[in-house]
Amino acid sequence: MKGVVWTRICSSRRRYFIISAMALLFLTVASANCRSESLQSALARAYYANPDLNQSRSKVRAQDEEAPKALAGMRPKASIGANVGGLYGNVYIPFGQGDAAGRKTNFGESYVGKPRGATLNVSQTLFDGGATTNNVRRAESGVFAARASMRLTEQAILQNGATAYMNVLRDTAVVNLRKNNIGVLEQQLKLTQDRFDIGEVTRTDVAQAQSSLAQAKTEYYSAQAQLKNSIANYRQIIGDEPDKLEPARSLEPLLPHTLDEAIEVAIVEHPGVKAAIHQVDAAEMAVKVAEAALAPNFSINAQVSNNYDNFNGLPGSRAFLAGTSAQLNVPLYQGGSEYASIRQAKEQLGQARLNMDLQRDSVRASVVSSYGLLDTAKSSIISSMSAVKAAEIALAGTRAEAKVGQRTTLDVLNAQQALLNARVSLVTAQRDRVVASYSALGAIGRLSANEINLDVQLYDVDRHYDQVKTKWIGVDTPGEK
């Protein structure tokens, strides 16, 4: 009977090794039989449908409209005014010296009129102290800053999408590892019970096996909860439920080879730095716009009017007027508000420059941190693989020693738990490597649909701007029918 029991133990051990070896293939656990979703396709769906990214694109389109608004400063302006009303008049006019009785001759008449008319005014500013020119430049800088901010959002969505994808893969693998561990421990409990029945072990060994099985189930339920949370995050970012996720590769081939090179790239290319630079440009133009309030303004005006029943209140009268004029306005003192505006704009320029320095320091720190995490993940994979191999050897040796009575059931259970923990650590390290590579590429500013070669039609930021920047009239957006 003893030989039968240990035959079962050896068979269980071989089965455990097979299950564990399969679990080592972390990225294929969730897609062993049928692959229908890759990280690239998931990120492509997020690129099209993520509401946060689409909101950012809409914000850029709204910012595009600042350009035609600024150009309006030097465009002609025309307006039509019309009026209509009622008029009642009573005229009494005495004349002559009067007769012998002192009675004077007079003229009196009452009338009712309907005065009405229309006036067309046209004006054209010829010089405004450079306010319009600098406003246009400020608007363009604002557009470029908005585009850079949109790139930041795109990077965040792609990075968060990759993280959510890898979290689902990791948690699916962990759930499978813990589920398989429950099966192994159930078999271990059965074998321990059989050995207890023939008097080879004590009730303590059975209780230890039962405790390990109960703990394994608790960890399994916790892993299931974590998987559900990761699936919910995936759904929020990608826009759909995960289904048979494929393995994912690290983006390390796209990264600069050294940390110093990565920092140099990030300082120049990162969208956060670019946005800050454009904000400085916009602030500089804002100072010039504020200074234009002290410059003279010159414009020409034309007016055409036609009025009826409105000439000295006489019914049936008609008056037609047409004229042009030139107007020069030289500001001398407007209460001091324009000077305060100039000082305020200069302070805001200083603030924008400090923010640019802050962004560069922040990007540098982010690059250093992300590269550190990537190096840690790669080192963890190596050490975890060694730990798995050592834990496998330790478990095999512990079981062999337990066969001849040199190890207890608890020793075997502890060895099994150590191997499980090592495999979970390896799964986590493999996930961390992929996520860290996306984080590092985002830290240098190159995480984009184009850079990682997503199968999508890239969003054209110039298209809408070109459609509206010189538009003179119309209330329909280019996307409306």
Protein backbone atom coordinates (compact mmCIF):
# COMPACT_ATOMS: atom_id res chain seq x y z
CA MET A 1 0.00 0.00 0.00
CA LYS A 2 2.89 2.32 0.78
CA GLY A 3 4.34 1.83 -2.70
CA VAL A 4 0.97 2.67 -4.23
CA VAL A 5 0.73 5.89 -2.25
CA TRP A 6 4.15 7.10 -3.33
CA THR A 7 3.46 6.11 -6.91
CA ARG A 8 0.50 8.49 -6.77
CA ILE A 9 2.72 11.19 -5.26
CA CYS A 10 5.26 10.84 -8.06
CA SER A 11 2.50 10.96 -10.65
CA SER A 12 1.10 14.10 -9.02
CA ARG A 13 4.54 15.66 -9.01
CA ARG A 14 5.00 15.05 -12.74
CA ARG A 15 1.55 16.50 -13.38
CA TYR A 16 2.43 19.57 -11.29
CA PHE A 17 5.63 20.14 -13.27
CA ILE A 18 3.69 19.95 -16.54
CA ILE A 19 1.08 22.43 -15.31
CA SER A 20 3.75 24.79 -13.98
CA ALA A 21 5.74 24.64 -17.21
CA MET A 22 2.64 25.60 -19.13
CA ALA A 23 1.95 28.45 -16.74
CA LEU A 24 5.46 29.79 -17.37
CA LEU A 25 4.32 30.82 -20.85
CA PHE A 26 2.79 33.92 -19.30
CA LEU A 27 1.73 35.74 -22.38
CA THR A 28 0.18 32.71 -24.03
CA VAL A 29 -1.91 31.54 -21.10
CA ALA A 30 -4.84 33.68 -22.11
CA SER A 31 -4.61 32.81 -25.80
CA ALA A 32 -3.34 29.27 -26.05
CA ASN A 33 -5.95 28.00 -28.51
CA CYS A 34 -7.45 30.96 -30.35
CA ARG A 35 -5.94 34.39 -30.86
CA SER A 36 -8.31 37.16 -31.73
CA GLU A 37 -6.94 40.30 -30.09
CA SER A 38 -3.43 41.72 -30.15
CA LEU A 39 -2.07 44.67 -28.25
CA GLN A 40 -1.74 46.53 -31.55
CA SER A 41 -5.38 46.01 -32.47
CA ALA A 42 -6.54 46.95 -28.96
CA LEU A 43 -4.57 50.19 -29.06
CA ALA A 44 -5.90 50.90 -32.54
CA ARG A 45 -9.44 50.67 -31.21
CA ALA A 46 -8.56 53.01 -28.34
CA TYR A 47 -6.96 55.42 -30.83
CA TYR A 48 -10.26 55.68 -32.70
CA ALA A 49 -12.84 55.43 -29.93
CA ASN A 50 -11.39 56.55 -26.60
CA PRO A 51 -13.58 59.47 -25.46
CA ASP A 52 -10.76 61.23 -23.65
CA LEU A 53 -8.64 61.30 -26.80
CA ASN A 54 -11.56 62.38 -28.97
CA GLN A 55 -12.36 65.13 -26.48
CA SER A 56 -8.77 66.35 -26.77
CA ARG A 57 -9.06 66.41 -30.57
CA SER A 58 -12.26 68.41 -30.27
CA LYS A 59 -10.44 70.87 -28.02
CA VAL A 60 -7.79 71.33 -30.70
CA ARG A 61 -10.46 72.00 -33.32
CA ALA A 62 -12.00 74.61 -31.04
CA GLN A 63 -8.57 76.21 -30.60
CA ASP A 64 -8.19 76.32 -34.39
CA GLU A 65 -10.99 78.90 -34.49
CA GLU A 66 -8.80 81.39 -32.64
CA ALA A 67 -6.89 81.99 -35.89
CA PRO A 68 -9.82 83.34 -37.97
CA LYS A 69 -10.97 85.28 -34.91
CA ALA A 70 -7.59 87.01 -34.78
CA LEU A 71 -7.55 87.65 -38.53
CA ALA A 72 -10.90 89.42 -38.21
CA GLY A 73 -9.09 92.42 -36.73
CA MET A 74 -7.93 93.61 -40.17
CA ARG A 75 -10.91 92.51 -42.18
CA PRO A 76 -13.64 94.94 -43.28
CA LYS A 77 -16.71 95.29 -41.13
CA ALA A 78 -20.15 96.10 -42.46
CA SER A 79 -23.51 96.63 -40.82
CA ILE A 80 -26.98 97.74 -41.79
CA GLY A 81 -29.24 99.73 -39.53
CA ALA A 82 -32.92 100.29 -40.20
CA ASN A 83 -35.63 102.22 -38.40
CA VAL A 84 -39.34 102.75 -38.75
CA GLY A 85 -41.82 104.63 -36.59
CA GLY A 86 -44.80 106.94 -36.41
CA LEU A 87 -44.85 110.74 -36.28
CA TYR A 88 -47.58 113.25 -35.51
CA GLY A 89 -47.02 116.99 -35.98
CA ASN A 90 -48.99 120.19 -35.46
CA VAL A 91 -47.53 123.36 -36.99
CA TYR A 92 -48.71 126.86 -36.03
CA ILE A 93 -47.01 129.81 -37.75
CA PRO A 94 -48.20 133.42 -37.11
CA PHE A 95 -47.29 136.05 -39.71
CA GLY A 96 -48.11 139.65 -40.62
CA GLN A 97 -48.94 142.61 -38.33
CA GLY A 98 -52.60 141.78 -37.85
CA ASP A 99 -55.72 143.73 -38.81
CA ALA A 100 -57.30 146.87 -37.24
CA ALA A 101 -58.90 144.77 -34.57
CA GLY A 102 -55.51 143.31 -33.62
CA ARG A 103 -56.17 139.89 -35.03
CA LYS A 104 -53.08 138.25 -36.52
CA THR A 105 -52.99 136.05 -39.53
CA ASN A 106 -51.53 132.62 -38.91
CA PHE A 107 -50.92 129.32 -40.62
CA GLY A 108 -51.55 126.02 -38.94
CA GLU A 109 -51.56 122.43 -40.09
CA SER A 110 -51.48 119.01 -38.52
CA TYR A 111 -49.90 116.02 -40.20
CA VAL A 112 -49.13 112.37 -39.63
CA GLY A 113 -45.97 110.79 -40.98
CA LYS A 114 -44.24 107.43 -40.99
CA PRO A 115 -40.48 108.09 -40.83
CA ARG A 116 -38.32 105.19 -41.93
CA GLY A 117 -34.89 104.64 -43.30
CA ALA A 118 -31.85 102.41 -43.60
CA THR A 119 -28.13 103.00 -43.24
CA LEU A 120 -25.19 100.91 -44.49
CA ASN A 121 -21.89 101.34 -42.64
CA VAL A 122 -18.60 99.92 -43.88
CA SER A 123 -15.26 100.34 -42.13
CA GLN A 124 -11.76 99.08 -42.74
CA THR A 125 -8.91 99.26 -40.25
CA LEU A 126 -5.62 100.08 -41.96
CA PHE A 127 -3.35 100.22 -38.92
CA ASP A 128 -3.92 98.98 -35.37
CA GLY A 129 -0.45 99.13 -33.91
CA GLY A 130 0.30 95.51 -34.83
CA ALA A 131 -2.44 94.12 -32.59
CA THR A 132 -3.97 91.93 -35.31
CA THR A 133 -0.64 90.59 -36.57
CA ASN A 134 0.49 89.63 -33.09
CA ASN A 135 -2.94 88.25 -32.25
CA VAL A 136 -2.67 85.93 -35.24
CA ARG A 137 0.76 84.77 -34.12
CA ARG A 138 -0.52 84.22 -30.60
CA ALA A 139 -3.45 82.20 -31.96
CA GLU A 140 -1.12 80.05 -34.04
CA SER A 141 1.08 79.39 -31.01
CA GLY A 142 -2.03 78.48 -29.06
CA VAL A 143 -2.99 75.99 -31.77
CA PHE A 144 0.45 74.39 -31.69
CA ALA A 145 0.31 74.20 -27.89
CA ALA A 146 -3.11 72.54 -28.08
CA ARG A 147 -1.78 70.00 -30.56
CA ALA A 148 1.12 69.17 -28.25
CA SER A 149 -1.33 68.74 -25.37
CA MET A 150 -3.36 66.42 -27.57
CA ARG A 151 -0.20 64.38 -28.18
CA LEU A 152 0.22 64.13 -24.43
CA THR A 153 -3.29 62.73 -24.19
CA GLU A 154 -2.58 60.30 -27.02
CA GLN A 155 0.53 59.10 -25.24
CA ALA A 156 -1.39 58.65 -22.00
CA ILE A 157 -4.14 56.66 -23.72
CA LEU A 158 -1.67 54.38 -25.53
CA GLN A 159 0.35 53.85 -22.36
CA ASN A 160 -2.73 53.24 -20.22
CA GLY A 161 -4.13 50.95 -22.89
CA ALA A 162 -0.94 48.89 -22.96
CA THR A 163 -0.93 48.76 -19.16
CA ALA A 164 -4.56 47.62 -19.06
CA TYR A 165 -3.88 44.99 -21.73
CA MET A 166 -0.86 43.60 -19.90
CA ASN A 167 -2.71 43.67 -16.58
CA VAL A 168 -5.41 41.44 -18.03
CA LEU A 169 -2.79 39.06 -19.40
CA ARG A 170 -0.93 38.99 -16.09
CA ASP A 171 -4.02 38.52 -13.97
CA THR A 172 -5.38 35.85 -16.30
CA ALA A 173 -2.11 33.97 -15.97
CA VAL A 174 -2.11 34.38 -12.19
CA VAL A 175 -5.71 33.12 -11.98
CA ASN A 176 -4.74 30.05 -14.02
CA LEU A 177 -1.65 29.44 -11.88
CA ARG A 178 -3.66 29.65 -8.68
CA LYS A 179 -6.44 27.51 -10.11
CA ASN A 180 -3.96 24.82 -11.10
CA ASN A 181 -2.35 25.11 -7.69
CA ILE A 182 -5.69 24.31 -6.09
CA GLY A 183 -5.87 21.13 -8.18
CA VAL A 184 -2.37 20.11 -7.10
CA LEU A 185 -3.11 20.80 -3.44
CA GLU A 186 -6.36 18.86 -3.64
CA GLN A 187 -4.37 15.92 -4.95
CA GLN A 188 -1.78 16.48 -2.24
CA LEU A 189 -4.51 16.47 0.41
CA LYS A 190 -5.92 13.23 -0.97
CA LEU A 191 -2.50 11.58 -0.94
CA THR A 192 -1.80 12.85 2.57
CA GLN A 193 -5.13 11.48 3.73
CA ASP A 194 -4.26 8.11 2.17
CA ARG A 195 -0.92 8.09 3.98
CA PHE A 196 -2.67 9.00 7.21
CA ASP A 197 -5.05 6.12 6.73
CA ILE A 198 -2.15 3.69 6.60
CA GLY A 199 -0.37 5.38 9.51
CA GLU A 200 2.56 6.98 7.65
CA VAL A 201 1.70 10.54 8.71
CA THR A 202 -0.17 12.18 11.54
CA ARG A 203 -3.40 14.19 11.60
CA THR A 204 -1.21 17.30 11.78
CA ASP A 205 0.00 16.59 8.25
CA VAL A 206 -3.58 16.31 7.05
CA ALA A 207 -4.49 19.58 8.75
CA GLN A 208 -1.51 21.30 7.16
CA ALA A 209 -2.58 20.10 3.72
CA GLN A 210 -6.13 21.28 4.39
CA SER A 211 -4.86 24.68 5.53
CA SER A 212 -2.71 25.09 2.40
CA LEU A 213 -5.68 24.20 0.20
CA ALA A 214 -7.93 26.70 1.97
CA GLN A 215 -5.29 29.43 1.65
CA ALA A 216 -4.85 28.61 -2.04
CA LYS A 217 -8.58 29.03 -2.61
CA THR A 218 -8.53 32.40 -0.84
CA GLU A 219 -5.67 33.55 -3.08
CA TYR A 220 -7.56 32.26 -6.11
CA TYR A 221 -10.65 34.28 -5.24
CA SER A 222 -8.50 37.36 -4.69
CA ALA A 223 -6.85 36.82 -8.08
CA GLN A 224 -10.28 36.56 -9.70
CA ALA A 225 -11.30 39.88 -8.14
CA GLN A 226 -8.12 41.51 -9.39
CA LEU A 227 -8.77 40.14 -12.89
CA LYS A 228 -12.29 41.58 -12.89
CA ASN A 229 -10.89 44.97 -11.91
CA SER A 230 -8.32 44.81 -14.71
CA ILE A 231 -11.03 43.85 -17.20
CA ALA A 232 -13.09 46.85 -16.12
CA ASN A 233 -10.12 49.18 -16.65
CA TYR A 234 -9.48 47.58 -20.02
CA ARG A 235 -13.08 48.20 -21.03
CA GLN A 236 -12.86 51.82 -19.95
CA ILE A 237 -9.72 52.57 -21.96
CA ILE A 238 -9.99 50.29 -24.99
CA GLY A 239 -13.76 50.43 -25.33
CA ASP A 240 -14.54 46.71 -25.42
CA GLU A 241 -14.23 43.58 -23.32
CA PRO A 242 -10.94 41.65 -23.64
CA ASP A 243 -11.22 38.38 -25.52
CA LYS A 244 -8.42 35.86 -26.06
CA LEU A 245 -5.56 38.34 -25.80
CA GLU A 246 -2.39 37.59 -27.74
CA PRO A 247 1.19 37.91 -26.48
CA ALA A 248 2.71 41.39 -26.49
CA ARG A 249 6.23 42.49 -27.21
CA SER A 250 8.39 45.08 -25.54
CA LEU A 251 9.12 48.34 -27.39
CA GLU A 252 12.79 48.31 -26.45
CA PRO A 253 13.97 48.26 -30.11
CA LEU A 254 12.37 51.71 -30.52
CA LEU A 255 14.16 53.21 -27.52
CA PRO A 256 17.47 55.10 -27.54
CA HIS A 257 20.25 52.82 -26.40
CA THR A 258 21.57 55.00 -23.59
CA LEU A 259 19.93 57.07 -20.88
CA ASP A 260 21.80 60.21 -21.90
CA GLU A 261 20.61 59.88 -25.47
CA ALA A 262 17.05 59.35 -24.25
CA ILE A 263 17.20 62.52 -22.14
CA GLU A 264 18.48 64.54 -25.10
CA VAL A 265 15.62 63.29 -27.27
CA ALA A 266 13.02 63.93 -24.58
CA ILE A 267 14.12 67.53 -23.97
CA VAL A 268 13.52 68.27 -27.66
CA GLU A 269 10.64 66.00 -28.67
CA HIS A 270 8.45 65.50 -25.63
CA PRO A 271 4.95 67.00 -26.20
CA GLY A 272 4.93 68.52 -22.72
CA VAL A 273 8.08 70.50 -23.51
CA LYS A 274 6.76 71.48 -26.93
CA ALA A 275 3.49 72.69 -25.44
CA ALA A 276 5.39 74.79 -22.90
CA ILE A 277 7.55 76.34 -25.64
CA HIS A 278 4.49 77.28 -27.69
CA GLN A 279 2.90 78.75 -24.57
CA VAL A 280 5.97 80.96 -24.16
CA ASP A 281 5.59 82.10 -27.77
CA ALA A 282 1.92 82.88 -27.18
CA ALA A 283 2.79 84.83 -24.03
CA GLU A 284 5.36 86.89 -25.93
CA MET A 285 2.77 87.78 -28.54
CA ALA A 286 0.31 88.66 -25.76
CA VAL A 287 2.76 91.29 -24.50
CA LYS A 288 2.94 92.86 -27.95
CA VAL A 289 -0.85 92.81 -28.27
CA ALA A 290 -1.15 94.60 -24.95
CA GLU A 291 1.44 97.19 -26.04
CA ALA A 292 -0.58 97.86 -29.20
CA ALA A 293 -3.19 99.57 -27.01
CA LEU A 294 -0.75 102.52 -26.76
CA ALA A 295 -0.34 102.82 -30.54
CA PRO A 296 -2.51 104.98 -32.84
CA ASN A 297 -5.29 103.43 -34.90
CA PHE A 298 -6.21 104.46 -38.42
CA SER A 299 -9.30 103.39 -40.36
CA ILE A 300 -11.53 104.50 -43.22
CA ASN A 301 -15.31 104.47 -43.10
CA ALA A 302 -18.10 104.68 -45.63
CA GLN A 303 -21.79 105.29 -45.01
CA VAL A 304 -24.86 105.20 -47.24
CA SER A 305 -28.32 106.06 -45.89
CA ASN A 306 -31.78 106.53 -47.31
CA ASN A 307 -34.61 108.05 -45.21
CA TYR A 308 -38.29 108.74 -45.85
CA ASP A 309 -40.67 111.08 -43.99
CA ASN A 310 -37.75 112.02 -41.83
CA PHE A 311 -36.43 115.25 -43.31
CA ASN A 312 -37.40 117.97 -40.84
CA GLY A 313 -40.38 115.83 -40.01
CA LEU A 314 -42.08 116.52 -43.31
CA PRO A 315 -44.29 113.77 -44.71
CA GLY A 316 -43.30 112.64 -48.17
CA SER A 317 -39.75 113.87 -47.77
CA ARG A 318 -36.82 111.75 -48.83
CA ALA A 319 -33.14 112.12 -47.99
CA PHE A 320 -30.27 110.12 -49.51
CA LEU A 321 -26.78 110.48 -48.02
CA ALA A 322 -23.46 108.90 -48.98
CA GLY A 323 -20.06 109.71 -47.62
CA THR A 324 -16.62 108.50 -46.65
CA SER A 325 -14.27 109.48 -43.87
CA ALA A 326 -10.86 108.68 -42.45
CA GLN A 327 -10.44 108.30 -38.73
CA LEU A 328 -7.26 108.54 -36.70
CA ASN A 329 -7.29 107.71 -33.01
CA VAL A 330 -4.22 108.48 -30.92
CA PRO A 331 -4.61 107.26 -27.31
CA LEU A 332 -3.14 109.58 -24.71
CA TYR A 333 -4.41 108.30 -21.39
CA GLN A 334 -7.17 105.76 -20.78
CA GLY A 335 -7.11 105.59 -17.01
CA GLY A 336 -4.03 103.37 -16.79
CA SER A 337 -5.69 100.02 -17.54
CA GLU A 338 -3.60 99.49 -20.66
CA TYR A 339 -0.39 99.87 -18.64
CA ALA A 340 -1.64 97.33 -16.10
CA SER A 341 -2.47 94.95 -18.95
CA ILE A 342 1.08 95.25 -20.31
CA ARG A 343 2.62 94.58 -16.91
CA GLN A 344 0.29 91.64 -16.39
CA ALA A 345 1.21 90.15 -19.79
CA LYS A 346 4.91 90.43 -18.94
CA GLU A 347 4.40 88.60 -15.67
CA GLN A 348 2.47 85.88 -17.48
CA LEU A 349 5.36 85.60 -19.94
CA GLY A 350 7.74 85.07 -17.03
CA GLN A 351 5.40 82.43 -15.64
CA ALA A 352 5.32 80.64 -19.01
CA ARG A 353 9.12 80.57 -19.16
CA LEU A 354 9.35 79.12 -15.67
CA ASN A 355 6.79 76.50 -16.64
CA MET A 356 8.94 75.56 -19.63
CA ASP A 357 11.92 74.97 -17.34
CA LEU A 358 9.68 72.98 -15.01
CA GLN A 359 8.48 70.78 -17.87
CA ARG A 360 12.03 70.03 -18.96
CA ASP A 361 13.03 69.03 -15.43
CA SER A 362 9.89 66.90 -15.11
CA VAL A 363 10.54 65.14 -18.43
CA ARG A 364 14.13 64.45 -17.47
CA ALA A 365 13.04 62.89 -14.17
CA SER A 366 10.40 60.82 -15.97
CA VAL A 367 12.96 59.44 -18.43
CA VAL A 368 15.36 58.46 -15.67
CA SER A 369 12.56 56.80 -13.71
CA SER A 370 11.13 54.90 -16.67
CA TYR A 371 14.51 53.59 -17.76
CA GLY A 372 15.17 52.52 -14.18
CA LEU A 373 11.89 50.61 -14.08
CA LEU A 374 12.68 48.95 -17.41
CA ASP A 375 16.12 47.84 -16.21
CA THR A 376 14.55 46.56 -12.98
CA ALA A 377 11.95 44.56 -14.90
CA LYS A 378 14.58 42.95 -17.12
CA SER A 379 16.72 42.05 -14.14
CA SER A 380 13.66 40.71 -12.33
CA ILE A 381 12.87 38.40 -15.24
CA ILE A 382 16.36 36.90 -15.06
CA SER A 383 16.27 36.48 -11.30
CA SER A 384 12.69 35.15 -11.38
CA MET A 385 13.60 32.55 -13.99
CA SER A 386 16.47 31.44 -11.79
CA ALA A 387 14.13 31.38 -8.80
CA VAL A 388 11.62 29.23 -10.71
CA LYS A 389 14.31 26.79 -11.75
CA ALA A 390 15.68 26.58 -8.22
CA ALA A 391 12.19 26.20 -6.77
CA GLU A 392 11.46 23.34 -9.16
CA ILE A 393 14.63 21.55 -8.09
CA ALA A 394 13.86 22.24 -4.44
CA LEU A 395 10.33 20.88 -4.76
CA ALA A 396 11.56 17.73 -6.50
CA GLY A 397 14.20 17.20 -3.84
CA THR A 398 11.79 17.88 -0.99
CA ARG A 399 9.34 15.33 -2.33
CA ALA A 400 12.09 12.77 -2.81
CA GLU A 401 13.29 13.35 0.71
CA ALA A 402 9.74 13.18 2.03
CA LYS A 403 9.47 9.76 0.39
CA VAL A 404 12.15 8.39 2.70
CA GLY A 405 10.87 10.27 5.73
CA GLN A 406 13.47 13.06 5.78
CA ARG A 407 10.89 15.77 5.02
CA THR A 408 7.44 16.45 6.35
CA THR A 409 4.24 17.24 4.52
CA LEU A 410 4.64 20.86 5.55
CA ASP A 411 8.05 20.97 3.85
CA VAL A 412 6.48 19.72 0.65
CA LEU A 413 3.65 22.28 0.87
CA ASN A 414 6.11 25.10 1.52
CA ALA A 415 8.18 24.07 -1.49
CA GLN A 416 5.07 24.05 -3.66
CA GLN A 417 4.14 27.52 -2.41
CA ALA A 418 7.66 28.80 -3.08
CA LEU A 419 7.48 27.56 -6.66
CA LEU A 420 4.07 29.13 -7.15
CA ASN A 421 5.30 32.46 -5.78
CA ALA A 422 8.35 32.32 -8.06
CA ARG A 423 6.14 31.73 -11.10
CA VAL A 424 3.81 34.57 -10.13
CA SER A 425 6.85 36.84 -9.74
CA LEU A 426 8.06 35.83 -13.19
CA VAL A 427 4.64 36.55 -14.67
CA THR A 428 4.63 39.97 -13.02
CA ALA A 429 8.17 40.78 -14.18
CA GLN A 430 7.29 39.87 -17.78
CA ARG A 431 4.29 42.18 -17.60
CA ASP A 432 6.39 44.94 -16.04
CA ARG A 433 8.93 44.78 -18.86
CA VAL A 434 6.36 45.45 -21.58
CA VAL A 435 4.63 48.19 -19.57
CA ALA A 436 7.96 49.84 -18.70
CA SER A 437 8.96 49.90 -22.38
CA TYR A 438 5.77 51.78 -23.24
CA SER A 439 6.36 54.11 -20.32
CA ALA A 440 9.94 54.79 -21.44
CA LEU A 441 8.88 55.51 -25.02
CA GLY A 442 6.25 57.89 -23.70
CA ALA A 443 8.77 59.56 -21.40
CA ILE A 444 10.92 60.56 -24.37
CA GLY A 445 7.85 61.72 -26.31
CA ARG A 446 7.78 59.11 -29.06
CA LEU A 447 4.81 56.99 -28.00
CA SER A 448 2.44 57.58 -30.90
CA ALA A 449 0.29 55.59 -33.28
CA ASN A 450 2.75 56.31 -36.05
CA GLU A 451 5.85 55.38 -34.06
CA ILE A 452 4.53 52.02 -32.86
CA ASN A 453 3.04 51.35 -36.31
CA LEU A 454 -0.62 50.99 -35.41
CA ASP A 455 -2.86 49.96 -38.28
CA VAL A 456 -4.93 53.16 -38.19
CA GLN A 457 -5.55 56.23 -40.28
CA LEU A 458 -3.63 58.88 -38.42
CA TYR A 459 -5.57 61.90 -37.21
CA ASP A 460 -4.68 64.90 -39.39
CA VAL A 461 -4.37 67.97 -37.18
CA ASP A 462 -3.79 70.26 -40.17
CA ARG A 463 -6.96 69.39 -42.03
CA HIS A 464 -9.44 71.24 -39.84
CA TYR A 465 -7.08 74.16 -39.31
CA ASP A 466 -6.60 74.63 -43.05
CA GLN A 467 -10.37 74.54 -43.54
CA VAL A 468 -11.14 77.31 -41.05
CA LYS A 469 -8.10 79.57 -40.73
CA THR A 470 -9.04 81.75 -43.74
CA LYS A 471 -12.79 81.24 -43.58
CA TRP A 472 -14.65 84.53 -43.81
CA ILE A 473 -18.23 83.47 -43.27
CA GLY A 474 -20.36 80.49 -42.26
CA VAL A 475 -21.54 78.89 -39.03
CA ASP A 476 -21.30 75.22 -40.03
CA THR A 477 -18.22 73.34 -38.84
CA PRO A 478 -16.32 71.47 -41.57
CA GLY A 479 -17.69 68.17 -40.24
CA GLU A 480 -21.33 69.25 -40.49
CA LYS A 481 -23.43 68.52 -43.53
